């Protein structure tokens, strides 16, 4: 007769272990949401990924937690991205004007395209350069996470490149680059705007069109003036609105590749767009928008912690100088395009 299950073996069942893993991740994320509420510019998503990597490196992540980590970094992540839609409104675009909107579109399209091209020239693995292009052109860590979620099998474009950077290692490298170069831009752009003697509104537009994370945009614009924050955030939100079409386009492009065929528009991307439209109607109460922001922050923080906990640090080291060079080049591109767009819009 097979041995009867004991309390210890029942307690270690996959379902129970996965549930505990998800609960721990959500608890960590809740703390992150509080930090974000107190300090909106704090890079909580970056810290979350770093905590996950540190836990994995220290040997604190048991093999039994793998299922829970995978579930969180897939389903919880997509929920967080979808809920970002309630933070955006089509009415925000009206405040930018036609030239401002076109500048935002140009910032995303040019940065995304040129970063992919430069990554190919530098020999950066396909998956990593796609994630860097997405994060630097749109909205940092959240954009990286959104793109990761439509590439669940770790094969972005070229399976031969997987030996250099694995699925979650590429995500960690991309988020780390966003943190590094976004922080540099946060400091450098306000100083450069003063050196160029730009009006506050033009400087704010430049920051919104160029800096990676929303929190970084708030911090950078705040060092210009209080009024600059609103202009910079609206410009940034215009870029965020392009997250859905970019992710959907990449997902659609993968339909022609061997293997499983993803939906033409991933459900979480469709949900994101629907929630943007709902928010645009003006019928969503303020408390609901605030609550959605908290839930989205918790979900994204938990997901990035889970992604970090699946990272092999040796894979990060292999990202090396080429990844740094790509991050630097992409920052130069987005900053240059953003400045050109801001100057054109200012002289409308």
C-alpha atoms as a PDB file:
ATOM      1  CA  UNK A   1       0.000   0.000   0.000  1.00  0.00           C
ATOM      2  CA  UNK A   2       1.243   3.495  -0.737  1.00  0.00           C
ATOM      3  CA  UNK A   3       1.969   5.529   2.393  1.00  0.00           C
ATOM      4  CA  UNK A   4      -0.841   7.687   3.670  1.00  0.00           C
ATOM      5  CA  UNK A   5      -0.255  11.402   3.115  1.00  0.00           C
ATOM      6  CA  UNK A   6       0.883  13.167   6.247  1.00  0.00           C
ATOM      7  CA  UNK A   7       0.129  16.727   7.289  1.00  0.00           C
ATOM      8  CA  UNK A   8       3.599  17.709   6.082  1.00  0.00           C
ATOM      9  CA  UNK A   9       3.085  16.272   2.601  1.00  0.00           C
ATOM     10  CA  UNK A  10      -0.359  17.816   2.318  1.00  0.00           C
ATOM     11  CA  UNK A  11       1.022  21.158   3.398  1.00  0.00           C
ATOM     12  CA  UNK A  12       3.658  20.920   0.672  1.00  0.00           C
ATOM     13  CA  UNK A  13       1.147  20.171  -2.093  1.00  0.00           C
ATOM     14  CA  UNK A  14       1.730  22.130  -5.329  1.00  0.00           C
ATOM     15  CA  UNK A  15      -1.579  24.001  -5.047  1.00  0.00           C
ATOM     16  CA  UNK A  16      -0.919  25.035  -1.450  1.00  0.00           C
ATOM     17  CA  UNK A  17       2.663  26.046  -2.189  1.00  0.00           C
ATOM     18  CA  UNK A  18       1.582  28.061  -5.228  1.00  0.00           C
ATOM     19  CA  UNK A  19      -1.092  29.803  -3.181  1.00  0.00           C
ATOM     20  CA  UNK A  20       1.403  30.733  -0.518  1.00  0.00           C
ATOM     21  CA  UNK A  21       3.837  31.999  -3.133  1.00  0.00           C
ATOM     22  CA  UNK A  22       1.206  34.261  -4.669  1.00  0.00           C
ATOM     23  CA  UNK A  23       0.167  35.480  -1.197  1.00  0.00           C
ATOM     24  CA  UNK A  24       3.753  36.404  -0.300  1.00  0.00           C
ATOM     25  CA  UNK A  25       4.195  38.231  -3.603  1.00  0.00           C
ATOM     26  CA  UNK A  26       0.981  40.194  -3.099  1.00  0.00           C
ATOM     27  CA  UNK A  27       2.034  41.108   0.452  1.00  0.00           C
ATOM     28  CA  UNK A  28       5.333  42.481  -0.858  1.00  0.00           C
ATOM     29  CA  UNK A  29       3.416  44.339  -3.556  1.00  0.00           C
ATOM     30  CA  UNK A  30       1.030  45.887  -1.032  1.00  0.00           C
ATOM     31  CA  UNK A  31       3.997  47.410   0.765  1.00  0.00           C
ATOM     32  CA  UNK A  32       5.203  48.702  -2.602  1.00  0.00           C
ATOM     33  CA  UNK A  33       1.822  50.334  -3.235  1.00  0.00           C
ATOM     34  CA  UNK A  34       2.063  52.168   0.089  1.00  0.00           C
ATOM     35  CA  UNK A  35       5.551  53.408  -0.787  1.00  0.00           C
ATOM     36  CA  UNK A  36       4.264  54.628  -4.167  1.00  0.00           C
ATOM     37  CA  UNK A  37       1.402  56.467  -2.476  1.00  0.00           C
ATOM     38  CA  UNK A  38       3.787  58.237  -0.097  1.00  0.00           C
ATOM     39  CA  UNK A  39       6.540  58.817  -2.675  1.00  0.00           C
ATOM     40  CA  UNK A  40       5.046  58.820  -6.214  1.00  0.00           C
ATOM     41  CA  UNK A  41       8.480  59.121  -7.833  1.00  0.00           C
ATOM     42  CA  UNK A  42       9.882  56.064  -6.034  1.00  0.00           C
ATOM     43  CA  UNK A  43      10.932  53.360  -8.545  1.00  0.00           C
ATOM     44  CA  UNK A  44       8.870  50.674  -6.814  1.00  0.00           C
ATOM     45  CA  UNK A  45       8.636  48.386  -9.859  1.00  0.00           C
ATOM     46  CA  UNK A  46      12.404  48.420 -10.259  1.00  0.00           C
ATOM     47  CA  UNK A  47      12.924  47.729  -6.547  1.00  0.00           C
ATOM     48  CA  UNK A  48      10.406  44.878  -6.736  1.00  0.00           C
ATOM     49  CA  UNK A  49      12.308  43.184  -9.526  1.00  0.00           C
ATOM     50  CA  UNK A  50      15.549  43.707  -7.609  1.00  0.00           C
ATOM     51  CA  UNK A  51      14.059  42.066  -4.505  1.00  0.00           C
ATOM     52  CA  UNK A  52      13.071  39.052  -6.561  1.00  0.00           C
ATOM     53  CA  UNK A  53      16.543  38.743  -8.075  1.00  0.00           C
ATOM     54  CA  UNK A  54      18.136  39.088  -4.631  1.00  0.00           C
ATOM     55  CA  UNK A  55      15.885  36.384  -3.188  1.00  0.00           C
ATOM     56  CA  UNK A  56      16.745  33.998  -6.029  1.00  0.00           C
ATOM     57  CA  UNK A  57      20.467  34.736  -5.737  1.00  0.00           C
ATOM     58  CA  UNK A  58      20.387  34.150  -1.968  1.00  0.00           C
ATOM     59  CA  UNK A  59      18.739  30.753  -2.480  1.00  0.00           C
ATOM     60  CA  UNK A  60      15.493  31.804  -0.789  1.00  0.00           C
ATOM     61  CA  UNK A  61      13.244  30.722  -3.684  1.00  0.00           C
ATOM     62  CA  UNK A  62      12.318  27.016  -3.437  1.00  0.00           C
ATOM     63  CA  UNK A  63      11.750  24.956  -6.558  1.00  0.00           C
ATOM     64  CA  UNK A  64       8.193  24.283  -5.374  1.00  0.00           C
ATOM     65  CA  UNK A  65       7.390  27.985  -5.777  1.00  0.00           C
ATOM     66  CA  UNK A  66       7.948  27.875  -9.543  1.00  0.00           C
ATOM     67  CA  UNK A  67       4.276  27.394 -10.443  1.00  0.00           C
ATOM     68  CA  UNK A  68       3.155  30.309  -8.292  1.00  0.00           C
ATOM     69  CA  UNK A  69       5.879  32.533  -9.674  1.00  0.00           C
ATOM     70  CA  UNK A  70       4.926  31.701 -13.259  1.00  0.00           C
ATOM     71  CA  UNK A  71       1.221  32.286 -12.598  1.00  0.00           C
ATOM     72  CA  UNK A  72       1.900  35.647 -10.966  1.00  0.00           C
ATOM     73  CA  UNK A  73       4.315  36.827 -13.661  1.00  0.00           C
ATOM     74  CA  UNK A  74       1.731  35.987 -16.316  1.00  0.00           C
ATOM     75  CA  UNK A  75      -1.851  36.436 -15.107  1.00  0.00           C
ATOM     76  CA  UNK A  76      -1.334  38.985 -12.340  1.00  0.00           C
ATOM     77  CA  UNK A  77       0.942  40.996 -14.629  1.00  0.00           C
ATOM     78  CA  UNK A  78      -1.684  41.143 -17.380  1.00  0.00           C
ATOM     79  CA  UNK A  79      -4.302  42.275 -14.870  1.00  0.00           C
ATOM     80  CA  UNK A  80      -2.042  45.127 -13.769  1.00  0.00           C
ATOM     81  CA  UNK A  81      -1.389  46.257 -17.329  1.00  0.00           C
ATOM     82  CA  UNK A  82      -5.089  46.132 -18.216  1.00  0.00           C
ATOM     83  CA  UNK A  83      -5.994  48.286 -15.212  1.00  0.00           C
ATOM     84  CA  UNK A  84      -3.552  50.939 -16.375  1.00  0.00           C
ATOM     85  CA  UNK A  85      -6.280  51.809 -18.886  1.00  0.00           C
ATOM     86  CA  UNK A  86      -8.332  53.478 -16.144  1.00  0.00           C
ATOM     87  CA  UNK A  87      -5.476  55.918 -15.541  1.00  0.00           C
ATOM     88  CA  UNK A  88      -5.731  57.271 -19.095  1.00  0.00           C
ATOM     89  CA  UNK A  89      -8.286  59.318 -20.973  1.00  0.00           C
ATOM     90  CA  UNK A  90      -8.545  60.316 -24.604  1.00  0.00           C
ATOM     91  CA  UNK A  91      -9.382  63.791 -23.336  1.00  0.00           C
ATOM     92  CA  UNK A  92      -5.795  64.076 -22.116  1.00  0.00           C
ATOM     93  CA  UNK A  93      -4.674  64.189 -25.734  1.00  0.00           C
ATOM     94  CA  UNK A  94      -6.727  67.348 -26.331  1.00  0.00           C
ATOM     95  CA  UNK A  95      -4.547  69.263 -23.874  1.00  0.00           C
ATOM     96  CA  UNK A  96      -1.465  68.539 -25.975  1.00  0.00           C
ATOM     97  CA  UNK A  97      -2.845  69.815 -29.260  1.00  0.00           C
ATOM     98  CA  UNK A  98      -2.290  68.190 -32.624  1.00  0.00           C
ATOM     99  CA  UNK A  99       1.437  68.892 -32.756  1.00  0.00           C
ATOM    100  CA  UNK A 100       1.951  67.623 -29.231  1.00  0.00           C
ATOM    101  CA  UNK A 101       0.159  64.373 -30.047  1.00  0.00           C
ATOM    102  CA  UNK A 102       2.168  63.962 -33.244  1.00  0.00           C
ATOM    103  CA  UNK A 103       5.353  64.588 -31.259  1.00  0.00           C
ATOM    104  CA  UNK A 104       4.385  61.815 -28.823  1.00  0.00           C
ATOM    105  CA  UNK A 105       3.685  59.406 -31.683  1.00  0.00           C
ATOM    106  CA  UNK A 106       6.983  60.304 -33.337  1.00  0.00           C
ATOM    107  CA  UNK A 107       8.842  59.805 -30.058  1.00  0.00           C
ATOM    108  CA  UNK A 108       7.481  56.274 -29.684  1.00  0.00           C
ATOM    109  CA  UNK A 109       7.721  55.188 -33.325  1.00  0.00           C
ATOM    110  CA  UNK A 110      11.204  56.573 -33.992  1.00  0.00           C
ATOM    111  CA  UNK A 111      12.683  55.396 -30.684  1.00  0.00           C
ATOM    112  CA  UNK A 112      11.163  51.927 -30.990  1.00  0.00           C
ATOM    113  CA  UNK A 113      12.295  51.449 -34.598  1.00  0.00           C
ATOM    114  CA  UNK A 114      15.791  52.904 -34.214  1.00  0.00           C
ATOM    115  CA  UNK A 115      16.423  50.963 -30.986  1.00  0.00           C
ATOM    116  CA  UNK A 116      15.541  47.693 -32.710  1.00  0.00           C
ATOM    117  CA  UNK A 117      17.887  48.566 -35.575  1.00  0.00           C
ATOM    118  CA  UNK A 118      20.752  49.608 -33.297  1.00  0.00           C
ATOM    119  CA  UNK A 119      20.272  46.478 -31.205  1.00  0.00           C
ATOM    120  CA  UNK A 120      20.657  44.352 -34.302  1.00  0.00           C
ATOM    121  CA  UNK A 121      23.837  46.228 -35.274  1.00  0.00           C
ATOM    122  CA  UNK A 122      25.264  45.819 -31.764  1.00  0.00           C
ATOM    123  CA  UNK A 123      24.458  42.114 -31.716  1.00  0.00           C
ATOM    124  CA  UNK A 124      21.998  42.353 -28.814  1.00  0.00           C
ATOM    125  CA  UNK A 125      19.701  39.282 -28.639  1.00  0.00           C
ATOM    126  CA  UNK A 126      16.328  39.806 -30.310  1.00  0.00           C
ATOM    127  CA  UNK A 127      14.233  39.428 -27.185  1.00  0.00           C
ATOM    128  CA  UNK A 128      16.297  41.897 -25.185  1.00  0.00           C
ATOM    129  CA  UNK A 129      16.359  44.548 -27.880  1.00  0.00           C
ATOM    130  CA  UNK A 130      12.583  44.261 -28.302  1.00  0.00           C
ATOM    131  CA  UNK A 131      12.052  44.776 -24.553  1.00  0.00           C
ATOM    132  CA  UNK A 132      14.510  47.688 -24.422  1.00  0.00           C
ATOM    133  CA  UNK A 133      12.839  49.319 -27.433  1.00  0.00           C
ATOM    134  CA  UNK A 134       9.430  48.993 -25.769  1.00  0.00           C
ATOM    135  CA  UNK A 135      10.502  50.216 -22.341  1.00  0.00           C
ATOM    136  CA  UNK A 136      12.525  53.192 -23.561  1.00  0.00           C
ATOM    137  CA  UNK A 137      10.004  54.368 -26.144  1.00  0.00           C
ATOM    138  CA  UNK A 138       6.793  54.022 -24.109  1.00  0.00           C
ATOM    139  CA  UNK A 139       6.673  53.780 -20.311  1.00  0.00           C
ATOM    140  CA  UNK A 140       9.581  51.959 -18.769  1.00  0.00           C
ATOM    141  CA  UNK A 141       9.158  48.881 -16.585  1.00  0.00           C
ATOM    142  CA  UNK A 142       5.387  48.590 -17.128  1.00  0.00           C
ATOM    143  CA  UNK A 143       5.897  48.542 -20.904  1.00  0.00           C
ATOM    144  CA  UNK A 144       8.661  45.938 -20.575  1.00  0.00           C
ATOM    145  CA  UNK A 145       6.334  43.805 -18.476  1.00  0.00           C
ATOM    146  CA  UNK A 146       3.485  44.187 -20.970  1.00  0.00           C
ATOM    147  CA  UNK A 147       5.681  43.125 -23.879  1.00  0.00           C
ATOM    148  CA  UNK A 148       7.069  40.210 -21.851  1.00  0.00           C
ATOM    149  CA  UNK A 149       3.538  38.931 -21.341  1.00  0.00           C
ATOM    150  CA  UNK A 150       2.974  38.457 -25.080  1.00  0.00           C
ATOM    151  CA  UNK A 151       6.273  36.588 -25.377  1.00  0.00           C
ATOM    152  CA  UNK A 152       5.625  33.812 -22.838  1.00  0.00           C
ATOM    153  CA  UNK A 153       7.799  31.206 -24.509  1.00  0.00           C
ATOM    154  CA  UNK A 154      10.981  33.272 -24.457  1.00  0.00           C
ATOM    155  CA  UNK A 155      11.380  33.329 -28.240  1.00  0.00           C
ATOM    156  CA  UNK A 156      10.977  36.898 -29.358  1.00  0.00           C
ATOM    157  CA  UNK A 157      12.439  36.705 -32.825  1.00  0.00           C
ATOM    158  CA  UNK A 158      15.497  34.489 -32.929  1.00  0.00           C
ATOM    159  CA  UNK A 159      15.742  31.276 -30.942  1.00  0.00           C
ATOM    160  CA  UNK A 160      19.481  31.114 -31.576  1.00  0.00           C
ATOM    161  CA  UNK A 161      19.956  34.135 -29.300  1.00  0.00           C
ATOM    162  CA  UNK A 162      18.450  32.445 -26.242  1.00  0.00           C
ATOM    163  CA  UNK A 163      21.811  31.193 -25.007  1.00  0.00           C
ATOM    164  CA  UNK A 164      22.863  34.784 -24.374  1.00  0.00           C
ATOM    165  CA  UNK A 165      19.813  36.071 -22.525  1.00  0.00           C
ATOM    166  CA  UNK A 166      16.906  33.960 -21.279  1.00  0.00           C
ATOM    167  CA  UNK A 167      13.256  35.003 -21.088  1.00  0.00           C
ATOM    168  CA  UNK A 168      13.216  36.462 -17.592  1.00  0.00           C
ATOM    169  CA  UNK A 169      16.885  37.480 -17.659  1.00  0.00           C
ATOM    170  CA  UNK A 170      16.100  39.709 -20.656  1.00  0.00           C
ATOM    171  CA  UNK A 171      13.229  41.264 -18.711  1.00  0.00           C
ATOM    172  CA  UNK A 172      15.496  41.999 -15.748  1.00  0.00           C
ATOM    173  CA  UNK A 173      18.203  43.519 -17.959  1.00  0.00           C
ATOM    174  CA  UNK A 174      15.643  45.733 -19.731  1.00  0.00           C
ATOM    175  CA  UNK A 175      14.124  46.966 -16.453  1.00  0.00           C
ATOM    176  CA  UNK A 176      17.579  47.620 -15.001  1.00  0.00           C
ATOM    177  CA  UNK A 177      18.463  49.693 -18.069  1.00  0.00           C
ATOM    178  CA  UNK A 178      15.221  51.666 -17.698  1.00  0.00           C
ATOM    179  CA  UNK A 179      16.122  52.409 -14.076  1.00  0.00           C
ATOM    180  CA  UNK A 180      19.689  53.430 -14.896  1.00  0.00           C
ATOM    181  CA  UNK A 181      19.105  55.639 -17.921  1.00  0.00           C
ATOM    182  CA  UNK A 182      15.771  56.966 -16.687  1.00  0.00           C
ATOM    183  CA  UNK A 183      17.466  58.176 -13.510  1.00  0.00           C
ATOM    184  CA  UNK A 184      20.224  59.829 -15.531  1.00  0.00           C
ATOM    185  CA  UNK A 185      17.612  61.560 -17.705  1.00  0.00           C
ATOM    186  CA  UNK A 186      15.692  62.647 -14.595  1.00  0.00           C
ATOM    187  CA  UNK A 187      18.752  64.620 -13.485  1.00  0.00           C
ATOM    188  CA  UNK A 188      20.150  65.677 -16.864  1.00  0.00           C
ATOM    189  CA  UNK A 189      17.075  66.957 -18.718  1.00  0.00           C
ATOM    190  CA  UNK A 190      16.055  69.724 -16.263  1.00  0.00           C
ATOM    191  CA  UNK A 191      19.682  70.917 -16.207  1.00  0.00           C
ATOM    192  CA  UNK A 192      19.858  70.814 -20.004  1.00  0.00           C
ATOM    193  CA  UNK A 193      16.559  72.701 -20.270  1.00  0.00           C
ATOM    194  CA  UNK A 194      17.970  75.489 -18.107  1.00  0.00           C
ATOM    195  CA  UNK A 195      21.186  75.556 -20.129  1.00  0.00           C
ATOM    196  CA  UNK A 196      19.137  75.880 -23.323  1.00  0.00           C
ATOM    197  CA  UNK A 197      16.960  78.552 -21.664  1.00  0.00           C
ATOM    198  CA  UNK A 198      13.766  76.692 -22.595  1.00  0.00           C
ATOM    199  CA  UNK A 199      10.409  78.004 -21.348  1.00  0.00           C
ATOM    200  CA  UNK A 200       8.922  75.848 -18.588  1.00  0.00           C
ATOM    201  CA  UNK A 201       6.176  74.480 -20.841  1.00  0.00           C
ATOM    202  CA  UNK A 202       8.642  73.464 -23.553  1.00  0.00           C
ATOM    203  CA  UNK A 203      10.960  71.878 -20.977  1.00  0.00           C
ATOM    204  CA  UNK A 204       8.020  69.977 -19.491  1.00  0.00           C
ATOM    205  CA  UNK A 205       6.949  68.706 -22.894  1.00  0.00           C
ATOM    206  CA  UNK A 206      10.521  67.580 -23.615  1.00  0.00           C
ATOM    207  CA  UNK A 207      10.634  65.678 -20.325  1.00  0.00           C
ATOM    208  CA  UNK A 208       7.250  64.034 -20.954  1.00  0.00           C
ATOM    209  CA  UNK A 209       8.314  62.964 -24.433  1.00  0.00           C
ATOM    210  CA  UNK A 210      11.700  61.605 -23.364  1.00  0.00           C
ATOM    211  CA  UNK A 211      11.880  60.243 -19.805  1.00  0.00           C
ATOM    212  CA  UNK A 212      11.068  56.559 -19.338  1.00  0.00           C
ATOM    213  CA  UNK A 213       8.965  56.049 -16.166  1.00  0.00           C
ATOM    214  CA  UNK A 214       5.919  58.096 -15.139  1.00  0.00           C
ATOM    215  CA  UNK A 215       7.420  58.590 -11.673  1.00  0.00           C
ATOM    216  CA  UNK A 216      10.665  59.780 -13.210  1.00  0.00           C
ATOM    217  CA  UNK A 217       8.707  62.247 -15.357  1.00  0.00           C
ATOM    218  CA  UNK A 218       6.972  63.670 -12.273  1.00  0.00           C
ATOM    219  CA  UNK A 219      10.264  64.072 -10.431  1.00  0.00           C
ATOM    220  CA  UNK A 220      12.064  65.654 -13.394  1.00  0.00           C
ATOM    221  CA  UNK A 221       9.233  68.070 -14.254  1.00  0.00           C
ATOM    222  CA  UNK A 222       8.809  68.981 -10.593  1.00  0.00           C
ATOM    223  CA  UNK A 223      12.374  70.280 -10.548  1.00  0.00           C
ATOM    224  CA  UNK A 224      11.409  72.673 -13.374  1.00  0.00           C
ATOM    225  CA  UNK A 225       8.229  74.098 -11.841  1.00  0.00           C
ATOM    226  CA  UNK A 226       4.955  72.965 -10.288  1.00  0.00           C
ATOM    227  CA  UNK A 227       3.035  73.920 -13.446  1.00  0.00           C
ATOM    228  CA  UNK A 228       5.416  71.874 -15.591  1.00  0.00           C
ATOM    229  CA  UNK A 229       4.332  68.635 -13.949  1.00  0.00           C
ATOM    230  CA  UNK A 230       0.852  68.659 -15.515  1.00  0.00           C
ATOM    231  CA  UNK A 231       2.226  69.278 -19.038  1.00  0.00           C
ATOM    232  CA  UNK A 232       4.907  66.601 -18.689  1.00  0.00           C
ATOM    233  CA  UNK A 233       2.496  63.992 -17.340  1.00  0.00           C
ATOM    234  CA  UNK A 234      -0.019  64.578 -20.145  1.00  0.00           C
ATOM    235  CA  UNK A 235       2.753  64.172 -22.728  1.00  0.00           C
ATOM    236  CA  UNK A 236       3.857  60.994 -20.994  1.00  0.00           C
ATOM    237  CA  UNK A 237       0.308  59.621 -20.929  1.00  0.00           C
ATOM    238  CA  UNK A 238       0.085  60.181 -24.676  1.00  0.00           C
ATOM    239  CA  UNK A 239       3.046  57.827 -25.041  1.00  0.00           C
ATOM    240  CA  UNK A 240       1.477  55.323 -22.635  1.00  0.00           C
ATOM    241  CA  UNK A 241      -1.658  55.226 -24.799  1.00  0.00           C
ATOM    242  CA  UNK A 242       0.491  53.745 -27.560  1.00  0.00           C
ATOM    243  CA  UNK A 243       1.387  50.748 -25.392  1.00  0.00           C
ATOM    244  CA  UNK A 244      -1.631  48.781 -26.550  1.00  0.00           C
ATOM    245  CA  UNK A 245      -1.143  49.145 -30.321  1.00  0.00           C
ATOM    246  CA  UNK A 246       2.592  48.413 -30.079  1.00  0.00           C
ATOM    247  CA  UNK A 247       2.095  45.273 -27.989  1.00  0.00           C
ATOM    248  CA  UNK A 248      -0.819  44.148 -30.161  1.00  0.00           C
ATOM    249  CA  UNK A 249       1.237  44.664 -33.321  1.00  0.00           C
ATOM    250  CA  UNK A 250       4.121  42.577 -31.989  1.00  0.00           C
ATOM    251  CA  UNK A 251       1.687  39.901 -30.822  1.00  0.00           C
ATOM    252  CA  UNK A 252       0.041  39.829 -34.243  1.00  0.00           C
ATOM    253  CA  UNK A 253       3.434  39.515 -35.897  1.00  0.00           C
ATOM    254  CA  UNK A 254       4.120  36.372 -33.913  1.00  0.00           C
ATOM    255  CA  UNK A 255       1.048  34.651 -35.342  1.00  0.00           C
ATOM    256  CA  UNK A 256       2.984  33.747 -38.459  1.00  0.00           C
ATOM    257  CA  UNK A 257       5.745  31.976 -36.523  1.00  0.00           C
ATOM    258  CA  UNK A 258       5.877  28.239 -35.826  1.00  0.00           C
ATOM    259  CA  UNK A 259       4.207  26.996 -32.660  1.00  0.00           C
ATOM    260  CA  UNK A 260       1.177  28.218 -30.790  1.00  0.00           C
ATOM    261  CA  UNK A 261      -0.719  31.053 -32.443  1.00  0.00           C
ATOM    262  CA  UNK A 262      -1.545  33.842 -29.985  1.00  0.00           C
ATOM    263  CA  UNK A 263      -4.751  35.849 -30.403  1.00  0.00           C
ATOM    264  CA  UNK A 264      -4.589  38.747 -32.862  1.00  0.00           C
ATOM    265  CA  UNK A 265      -5.171  41.157 -29.975  1.00  0.00           C
ATOM    266  CA  UNK A 266      -4.236  39.727 -26.548  1.00  0.00           C
ATOM    267  CA  UNK A 267      -7.222  39.888 -24.167  1.00  0.00           C
ATOM    268  CA  UNK A 268      -5.379  42.070 -21.645  1.00  0.00           C
ATOM    269  CA  UNK A 269      -4.569  44.585 -24.409  1.00  0.00           C
ATOM    270  CA  UNK A 270      -8.231  44.649 -25.446  1.00  0.00           C
ATOM    271  CA  UNK A 271      -9.182  45.179 -21.788  1.00  0.00           C
ATOM    272  CA  UNK A 272      -6.667  48.044 -21.559  1.00  0.00           C
ATOM    273  CA  UNK A 273      -8.251  49.764 -24.573  1.00  0.00           C
ATOM    274  CA  UNK A 274     -11.789  49.231 -23.293  1.00  0.00           C
ATOM    275  CA  UNK A 275     -10.900  50.740 -19.914  1.00  0.00           C
ATOM    276  CA  UNK A 276      -9.312  53.758 -21.617  1.00  0.00           C
ATOM    277  CA  UNK A 277     -12.583  54.310 -23.493  1.00  0.00           C
ATOM    278  CA  UNK A 278     -14.613  53.848 -20.312  1.00  0.00           C
ATOM    279  CA  UNK A 279     -12.443  56.365 -18.452  1.00  0.00           C
ATOM    280  CA  UNK A 280     -12.799  58.768 -21.384  1.00  0.00           C
ATOM    281  CA  UNK A 281     -16.588  58.860 -20.960  1.00  0.00           C
ATOM    282  CA  UNK A 282     -16.175  60.555 -17.590  1.00  0.00           C
ATOM    283  CA  UNK A 283     -18.595  58.183 -15.850  1.00  0.00           C
ATOM    284  CA  UNK A 284     -15.967  56.481 -13.686  1.00  0.00           C
ATOM    285  CA  UNK A 285     -15.973  57.975 -10.160  1.00  0.00           C
ATOM    286  CA  UNK A 286     -12.706  59.301  -8.809  1.00  0.00           C
ATOM    287  CA  UNK A 287     -12.521  56.775  -5.953  1.00  0.00           C
ATOM    288  CA  UNK A 288     -12.828  53.926  -8.472  1.00  0.00           C
ATOM    289  CA  UNK A 289      -9.955  55.355 -10.525  1.00  0.00           C
ATOM    290  CA  UNK A 290      -7.858  55.668  -7.364  1.00  0.00           C
ATOM    291  CA  UNK A 291      -8.674  52.124  -6.306  1.00  0.00           C
ATOM    292  CA  UNK A 292      -7.789  50.807  -9.764  1.00  0.00           C
ATOM    293  CA  UNK A 293      -4.452  52.616  -9.545  1.00  0.00           C
ATOM    294  CA  UNK A 294      -3.683  50.882  -6.239  1.00  0.00           C
ATOM    295  CA  UNK A 295      -4.696  47.455  -7.566  1.00  0.00           C
ATOM    296  CA  UNK A 296      -2.669  47.983 -10.734  1.00  0.00           C
ATOM    297  CA  UNK A 297       0.390  48.992  -8.703  1.00  0.00           C
ATOM    298  CA  UNK A 298       0.035  45.934  -6.468  1.00  0.00           C
ATOM    299  CA  UNK A 299      -0.387  43.616  -9.460  1.00  0.00           C
ATOM    300  CA  UNK A 300       2.590  45.002 -11.382  1.00  0.00           C
ATOM    301  CA  UNK A 301       4.791  45.024  -8.278  1.00  0.00           C
ATOM    302  CA  UNK A 302       3.918  41.397  -7.478  1.00  0.00           C
ATOM    303  CA  UNK A 303       4.507  40.381 -11.091  1.00  0.00           C
ATOM    304  CA  UNK A 304       7.919  42.022 -11.314  1.00  0.00           C
ATOM    305  CA  UNK A 305       8.943  40.489  -7.994  1.00  0.00           C
ATOM    306  CA  UNK A 306       7.953  37.115  -9.435  1.00  0.00           C
ATOM    307  CA  UNK A 307       9.895  37.786 -12.624  1.00  0.00           C
ATOM    308  CA  UNK A 308      12.957  38.713 -10.600  1.00  0.00           C
ATOM    309  CA  UNK A 309      12.683  35.546  -8.535  1.00  0.00           C
ATOM    310  CA  UNK A 310      13.007  33.512 -11.733  1.00  0.00           C
ATOM    311  CA  UNK A 311      16.170  35.270 -12.922  1.00  0.00           C
ATOM    312  CA  UNK A 312      19.570  33.647 -13.134  1.00  0.00           C
ATOM    313  CA  UNK A 313      22.103  36.382 -12.318  1.00  0.00           C
ATOM    314  CA  UNK A 314      24.645  34.722 -14.604  1.00  0.00           C
ATOM    315  CA  UNK A 315      22.321  35.521 -17.493  1.00  0.00           C
ATOM    316  CA  UNK A 316      22.296  39.166 -16.427  1.00  0.00           C
ATOM    317  CA  UNK A 317      26.080  39.328 -16.512  1.00  0.00           C
ATOM    318  CA  UNK A 318      26.010  37.954 -20.038  1.00  0.00           C
ATOM    319  CA  UNK A 319      23.857  40.945 -21.059  1.00  0.00           C
ATOM    320  CA  UNK A 320      27.073  42.936 -20.665  1.00  0.00           C
ATOM    321  CA  UNK A 321      28.349  45.977 -22.480  1.00  0.00           C
ATOM    322  CA  UNK A 322      26.214  45.576 -25.571  1.00  0.00           C
ATOM    323  CA  UNK A 323      23.036  46.007 -23.534  1.00  0.00           C
ATOM    324  CA  UNK A 324      24.459  49.119 -21.857  1.00  0.00           C
ATOM    325  CA  UNK A 325      25.461  50.535 -25.232  1.00  0.00           C
ATOM    326  CA  UNK A 326      21.956  49.935 -26.552  1.00  0.00           C
ATOM    327  CA  UNK A 327      20.398  51.620 -23.511  1.00  0.00           C
ATOM    328  CA  UNK A 328      22.662  54.648 -23.934  1.00  0.00           C
ATOM    329  CA  UNK A 329      21.958  54.893 -27.659  1.00  0.00           C
ATOM    330  CA  UNK A 330      18.201  54.527 -27.152  1.00  0.00           C
ATOM    331  CA  UNK A 331      18.274  57.269 -24.514  1.00  0.00           C
ATOM    332  CA  UNK A 332      20.057  59.609 -26.928  1.00  0.00           C
ATOM    333  CA  UNK A 333      17.452  58.843 -29.592  1.00  0.00           C
ATOM    334  CA  UNK A 334      14.384  59.374 -27.400  1.00  0.00           C
ATOM    335  CA  UNK A 335      15.900  62.535 -25.906  1.00  0.00           C
ATOM    336  CA  UNK A 336      16.739  63.978 -29.313  1.00  0.00           C
ATOM    337  CA  UNK A 337      13.361  63.170 -30.842  1.00  0.00           C
ATOM    338  CA  UNK A 338      11.623  64.491 -27.723  1.00  0.00           C
ATOM    339  CA  UNK A 339      13.488  67.790 -27.879  1.00  0.00           C
ATOM    340  CA  UNK A 340      12.715  68.226 -31.575  1.00  0.00           C
ATOM    341  CA  UNK A 341       9.041  67.459 -30.950  1.00  0.00           C
ATOM    342  CA  UNK A 342       8.841  69.850 -28.008  1.00  0.00           C
ATOM    343  CA  UNK A 343      10.417  72.693 -30.008  1.00  0.00           C
ATOM    344  CA  UNK A 344       8.094  72.148 -32.960  1.00  0.00           C
ATOM    345  CA  UNK A 345       5.022  71.994 -30.720  1.00  0.00           C
ATOM    346  CA  UNK A 346       6.123  75.124 -28.835  1.00  0.00           C
ATOM    347  CA  UNK A 347       6.304  77.125 -32.069  1.00  0.00           C
ATOM    348  CA  UNK A 348       2.878  75.990 -33.277  1.00  0.00           C
END
